[in-house]
Structure formats: C-alpha cells, structure tokens
Protein backbone atom coordinates (compact mmCIF):
# COMPACT_ATOMS: atom_id res chain seq x y z
CA LYS A 1 -231.13 -118.26 -30.43
CA SER A 2 -229.51 -116.12 -27.71
CA TRP A 3 -226.01 -117.01 -28.84
CA ALA A 4 -224.64 -113.48 -28.47
CA THR A 5 -225.19 -111.06 -25.61
CA GLY A 6 -223.54 -108.17 -27.43
CA CYS A 7 -221.78 -107.24 -30.62
CA SER A 8 -219.95 -104.34 -32.19
CA ALA A 9 -218.33 -103.64 -35.52
CA GLY A 10 -216.50 -100.80 -37.16
CA CYS A 11 -213.37 -99.59 -38.85
CA ASP A 12 -210.16 -98.52 -37.20
CA SER A 13 -210.27 -94.75 -36.80
CA SER A 14 -206.50 -94.31 -36.46
CA GLY A 15 -205.96 -94.62 -40.21
CA HIS A 16 -203.19 -97.21 -39.77
CA TYR A 17 -205.07 -99.81 -41.78
CA ASP A 18 -206.48 -97.58 -44.52
CA SER A 19 -205.46 -97.60 -48.14
CA SER A 20 -206.97 -96.34 -51.35
CA SER A 21 -208.46 -99.76 -52.13
CA HIS A 22 -209.46 -101.32 -48.80
CA ARG A 23 -210.07 -100.81 -45.10
CA LEU A 24 -209.90 -103.19 -42.16
CA LEU A 25 -213.26 -104.04 -40.57
CA TYR A 26 -213.37 -105.40 -37.05
CA MET A 27 -216.21 -107.33 -35.44
CA SER A 28 -216.54 -108.38 -31.84
CA PHE A 29 -219.15 -110.64 -30.23
CA ALA A 30 -219.83 -111.41 -26.59
CA LEU A 31 -221.10 -114.98 -26.67
CA SER A 32 -223.33 -116.81 -24.22
CA GLU A 33 -222.26 -120.28 -23.10
CA ASN A 34 -224.57 -121.69 -25.77
CA GLY A 35 -223.03 -119.28 -28.30
CA VAL A 36 -219.55 -120.58 -27.56
CA GLU A 37 -220.80 -124.06 -28.44
CA HIS A 38 -222.11 -122.70 -31.78
CA TRP A 39 -219.29 -120.30 -32.70
CA HIS A 40 -218.78 -121.95 -36.10
CA GLU A 41 -222.43 -121.31 -37.02
CA ILE A 42 -222.14 -117.69 -35.89
CA ILE A 43 -219.13 -117.18 -38.17
CA SER A 44 -221.09 -118.75 -41.02
CA TYR A 45 -224.01 -116.34 -40.45
CA VAL A 46 -221.63 -113.37 -40.38
CA TYR A 47 -220.12 -114.32 -43.73
CA MET A 48 -223.58 -114.93 -45.22
CA TYR A 49 -224.69 -111.45 -44.07
CA ILE A 50 -221.55 -109.83 -45.50
CA GLY A 51 -222.22 -111.67 -48.77
CA MET A 52 -225.80 -110.42 -48.82
CA ILE A 53 -224.70 -106.81 -48.27
CA ARG A 54 -222.03 -107.19 -50.97
CA HIS A 55 -224.64 -108.55 -53.39
CA TYR A 56 -226.96 -105.59 -52.78
CA CYS A 57 -224.11 -103.07 -53.04
CA LEU A 58 -223.13 -104.46 -56.44
CA SER A 59 -226.70 -104.47 -57.76
CA GLU A 60 -228.16 -101.50 -59.63
CA SER A 61 -231.04 -101.14 -57.16
CA GLY A 62 -228.69 -100.75 -54.17
CA LEU A 63 -229.56 -101.62 -50.60
CA PRO A 64 -233.21 -102.50 -49.92
CA ASP A 65 -235.37 -100.26 -47.73
CA TRP A 66 -235.61 -102.80 -44.92
CA ILE A 67 -231.91 -102.35 -44.16
CA TYR A 68 -232.38 -98.60 -43.67
CA GLU A 69 -235.46 -99.24 -41.52
CA GLU A 70 -233.52 -101.69 -39.39
CA LEU A 71 -230.73 -99.15 -38.85
CA ARG A 72 -233.28 -96.44 -38.01
CA SER A 73 -234.94 -98.69 -35.44
CA ILE A 74 -231.61 -99.59 -33.84
CA ASN A 75 -230.66 -95.90 -33.57
CA GLU A 76 -234.04 -95.03 -32.04
CA VAL A 77 -233.66 -97.72 -29.38
CA SER A 78 -230.06 -96.65 -28.67
CA PHE A 79 -231.16 -93.04 -28.24
CA LYS A 80 -234.16 -93.94 -26.08
CA PHE A 81 -232.10 -96.04 -23.67
CA GLU A 82 -228.92 -93.98 -23.74
CA ASP A 83 -227.38 -93.25 -20.35
CA GLU A 84 -228.17 -89.78 -19.11
CA SER A 85 -225.19 -87.44 -19.17
CA SER A 86 -224.45 -84.76 -16.64
CA PRO A 87 -225.00 -81.08 -17.66
CA GLU A 88 -221.22 -80.56 -17.63
CA GLU A 89 -220.70 -82.97 -20.52
C-alpha cells in the first residue's frame, strides 16, 4: 500500500522506563502522503500485529517459524545494503 516509507521500533536503552513488570516500547513511522490519509488504519494494523505476537507468545507452541524467517531475511538485507565503513571505524 506504500503508506510508510520507513519505520523503527525498540525499547529505551537508558533504563528510565524499565521496571520488573513492564518496559516502554516505542514505534516510529515515516508516512507517505497517502499514509497520512490512512493513519488510523496503520494504527489498527499495528495493534493487530501486537495482538498476534501476544497470542503466539502465550501459546505453548511459541512463535511460528515464519516470524524467525522474516527476521532473518530482514537482517540479511540490512547487512547486504549496509553503508561501507572506513577502516578506522
């Protein structure tokens, strides 16, 4: 649908928002003009995906293999197209 041109997600690494029972997750999306018009649908998809992950995490079988394969593919592409670093780095 080309609604997002980029996205990132993670947890705060400073430790300010950590506790023994929860952690703050942040998500950021760079939206196309069309994406801005459909922001409410994007939010709905995000919550559906979080619900799906939660469902799998609570099940006895755990996360399905396709999730691991998707992560592996993303990491391969990221590595393949990573900016070259100078020898000093």
